[in-house]
């Protein structure tokens, strides 16, 4: 007995593989600290809270975010959140 039509199963597998590839791409392009800050940002944390949590200055948190935006080619926090959600990292 078949639960899913072939087309649906194929589409689901393709989507899963795309998401995994996106996750690997992000992991390769960001440093571990940048990935940590990106995920904290995606959870809605502000620069000051990130800085306090990681024992860095707010300026350093902002600099990391600037590098993250450049590497991922996103324009701001909302775009970063969407990007990470699409990759399965948020």
C-alpha atoms as a PDB file:
ATOM      1  CA  UNK A   1       0.000   0.000   0.000  1.00  0.00           C
ATOM      2  CA  UNK A   2       1.376   3.386  -0.995  1.00  0.00           C
ATOM      3  CA  UNK A   3       1.063   6.336   1.400  1.00  0.00           C
ATOM      4  CA  UNK A   4       2.403   9.097  -0.821  1.00  0.00           C
ATOM      5  CA  UNK A   5       2.264   9.608  -4.531  1.00  0.00           C
ATOM      6  CA  UNK A   6       5.698   9.376  -6.154  1.00  0.00           C
ATOM      7  CA  UNK A   7       5.719  13.064  -7.051  1.00  0.00           C
ATOM      8  CA  UNK A   8       5.061  14.140  -3.468  1.00  0.00           C
ATOM      9  CA  UNK A   9       7.743  11.868  -2.061  1.00  0.00           C
ATOM     10  CA  UNK A  10      10.284  13.066  -4.620  1.00  0.00           C
ATOM     11  CA  UNK A  11       9.442  16.701  -3.899  1.00  0.00           C
ATOM     12  CA  UNK A  12       9.772  16.152  -0.142  1.00  0.00           C
ATOM     13  CA  UNK A  13      13.172  14.488  -0.521  1.00  0.00           C
ATOM     14  CA  UNK A  14      14.403  17.262  -2.844  1.00  0.00           C
ATOM     15  CA  UNK A  15      13.325  19.925  -0.334  1.00  0.00           C
ATOM     16  CA  UNK A  16      15.084  18.102   2.498  1.00  0.00           C
ATOM     17  CA  UNK A  17      18.294  17.796   0.475  1.00  0.00           C
ATOM     18  CA  UNK A  18      18.172  21.498  -0.466  1.00  0.00           C
ATOM     19  CA  UNK A  19      17.737  22.452   3.180  1.00  0.00           C
ATOM     20  CA  UNK A  20      20.661  20.258   4.253  1.00  0.00           C
ATOM     21  CA  UNK A  21      22.842  21.732   1.506  1.00  0.00           C
ATOM     22  CA  UNK A  22      21.918  25.235   2.666  1.00  0.00           C
ATOM     23  CA  UNK A  23      22.813  24.346   6.235  1.00  0.00           C
ATOM     24  CA  UNK A  24      26.221  23.053   5.150  1.00  0.00           C
ATOM     25  CA  UNK A  25      26.847  26.182   3.050  1.00  0.00           C
ATOM     26  CA  UNK A  26      26.099  28.469   6.001  1.00  0.00           C
ATOM     27  CA  UNK A  27      28.230  26.379   8.343  1.00  0.00           C
ATOM     28  CA  UNK A  28      31.157  26.579   5.911  1.00  0.00           C
ATOM     29  CA  UNK A  29      30.884  30.316   5.282  1.00  0.00           C
ATOM     30  CA  UNK A  30      30.541  31.496   8.900  1.00  0.00           C
ATOM     31  CA  UNK A  31      32.961  31.092  11.779  1.00  0.00           C
ATOM     32  CA  UNK A  32      31.600  29.234  14.816  1.00  0.00           C
ATOM     33  CA  UNK A  33      31.255  32.572  16.660  1.00  0.00           C
ATOM     34  CA  UNK A  34      29.433  34.169  13.714  1.00  0.00           C
ATOM     35  CA  UNK A  35      27.048  31.222  13.528  1.00  0.00           C
ATOM     36  CA  UNK A  36      26.413  31.526  17.269  1.00  0.00           C
ATOM     37  CA  UNK A  37      25.677  35.256  16.955  1.00  0.00           C
ATOM     38  CA  UNK A  38      23.510  34.722  13.867  1.00  0.00           C
ATOM     39  CA  UNK A  39      21.401  32.162  15.734  1.00  0.00           C
ATOM     40  CA  UNK A  40      21.091  34.420  18.776  1.00  0.00           C
ATOM     41  CA  UNK A  41      19.973  37.239  16.483  1.00  0.00           C
ATOM     42  CA  UNK A  42      17.436  34.929  14.845  1.00  0.00           C
ATOM     43  CA  UNK A  43      16.009  34.236  18.318  1.00  0.00           C
ATOM     44  CA  UNK A  44      15.353  37.963  18.647  1.00  0.00           C
ATOM     45  CA  UNK A  45      18.251  38.916  20.892  1.00  0.00           C
ATOM     46  CA  UNK A  46      19.534  42.487  20.625  1.00  0.00           C
ATOM     47  CA  UNK A  47      23.214  43.371  20.249  1.00  0.00           C
ATOM     48  CA  UNK A  48      23.543  44.384  23.895  1.00  0.00           C
ATOM     49  CA  UNK A  49      22.081  41.088  25.141  1.00  0.00           C
ATOM     50  CA  UNK A  50      24.296  39.097  22.760  1.00  0.00           C
ATOM     51  CA  UNK A  51      27.347  41.013  23.970  1.00  0.00           C
ATOM     52  CA  UNK A  52      26.510  40.390  27.614  1.00  0.00           C
ATOM     53  CA  UNK A  53      25.833  36.692  27.045  1.00  0.00           C
ATOM     54  CA  UNK A  54      29.120  36.182  25.158  1.00  0.00           C
ATOM     55  CA  UNK A  55      31.232  38.540  27.300  1.00  0.00           C
ATOM     56  CA  UNK A  56      32.120  40.754  24.348  1.00  0.00           C
ATOM     57  CA  UNK A  57      31.486  44.425  23.698  1.00  0.00           C
ATOM     58  CA  UNK A  58      28.374  45.586  21.897  1.00  0.00           C
ATOM     59  CA  UNK A  59      30.655  46.974  19.175  1.00  0.00           C
ATOM     60  CA  UNK A  60      32.169  43.534  18.641  1.00  0.00           C
ATOM     61  CA  UNK A  61      28.698  42.011  18.362  1.00  0.00           C
ATOM     62  CA  UNK A  62      27.796  44.637  15.744  1.00  0.00           C
ATOM     63  CA  UNK A  63      31.010  43.941  13.824  1.00  0.00           C
ATOM     64  CA  UNK A  64      30.275  40.201  13.783  1.00  0.00           C
ATOM     65  CA  UNK A  65      26.760  40.922  12.488  1.00  0.00           C
ATOM     66  CA  UNK A  66      28.174  43.162   9.760  1.00  0.00           C
ATOM     67  CA  UNK A  67      30.465  40.314   8.634  1.00  0.00           C
ATOM     68  CA  UNK A  68      27.553  37.854   8.757  1.00  0.00           C
ATOM     69  CA  UNK A  69      25.388  40.123   6.590  1.00  0.00           C
ATOM     70  CA  UNK A  70      28.194  40.470   4.046  1.00  0.00           C
ATOM     71  CA  UNK A  71      28.984  36.752   3.904  1.00  0.00           C
ATOM     72  CA  UNK A  72      25.348  35.679   3.568  1.00  0.00           C
ATOM     73  CA  UNK A  73      24.425  38.648   1.352  1.00  0.00           C
ATOM     74  CA  UNK A  74      21.488  39.649   3.545  1.00  0.00           C
ATOM     75  CA  UNK A  75      20.325  43.126   4.429  1.00  0.00           C
ATOM     76  CA  UNK A  76      19.551  43.266   8.131  1.00  0.00           C
ATOM     77  CA  UNK A  77      18.193  41.219  11.000  1.00  0.00           C
ATOM     78  CA  UNK A  78      14.870  40.229   9.445  1.00  0.00           C
ATOM     79  CA  UNK A  79      16.542  38.985   6.265  1.00  0.00           C
ATOM     80  CA  UNK A  80      19.051  37.073   8.406  1.00  0.00           C
ATOM     81  CA  UNK A  81      16.216  35.436  10.362  1.00  0.00           C
ATOM     82  CA  UNK A  82      14.481  34.391   7.136  1.00  0.00           C
ATOM     83  CA  UNK A  83      17.727  33.086   5.664  1.00  0.00           C
ATOM     84  CA  UNK A  84      18.474  30.958   8.716  1.00  0.00           C
ATOM     85  CA  UNK A  85      14.894  29.651   8.842  1.00  0.00           C
ATOM     86  CA  UNK A  86      15.142  28.598   5.196  1.00  0.00           C
ATOM     87  CA  UNK A  87      18.374  26.735   6.002  1.00  0.00           C
ATOM     88  CA  UNK A  88      16.896  25.072   9.075  1.00  0.00           C
ATOM     89  CA  UNK A  89      19.190  26.910  11.482  1.00  0.00           C
ATOM     90  CA  UNK A  90      16.605  29.048  13.274  1.00  0.00           C
END
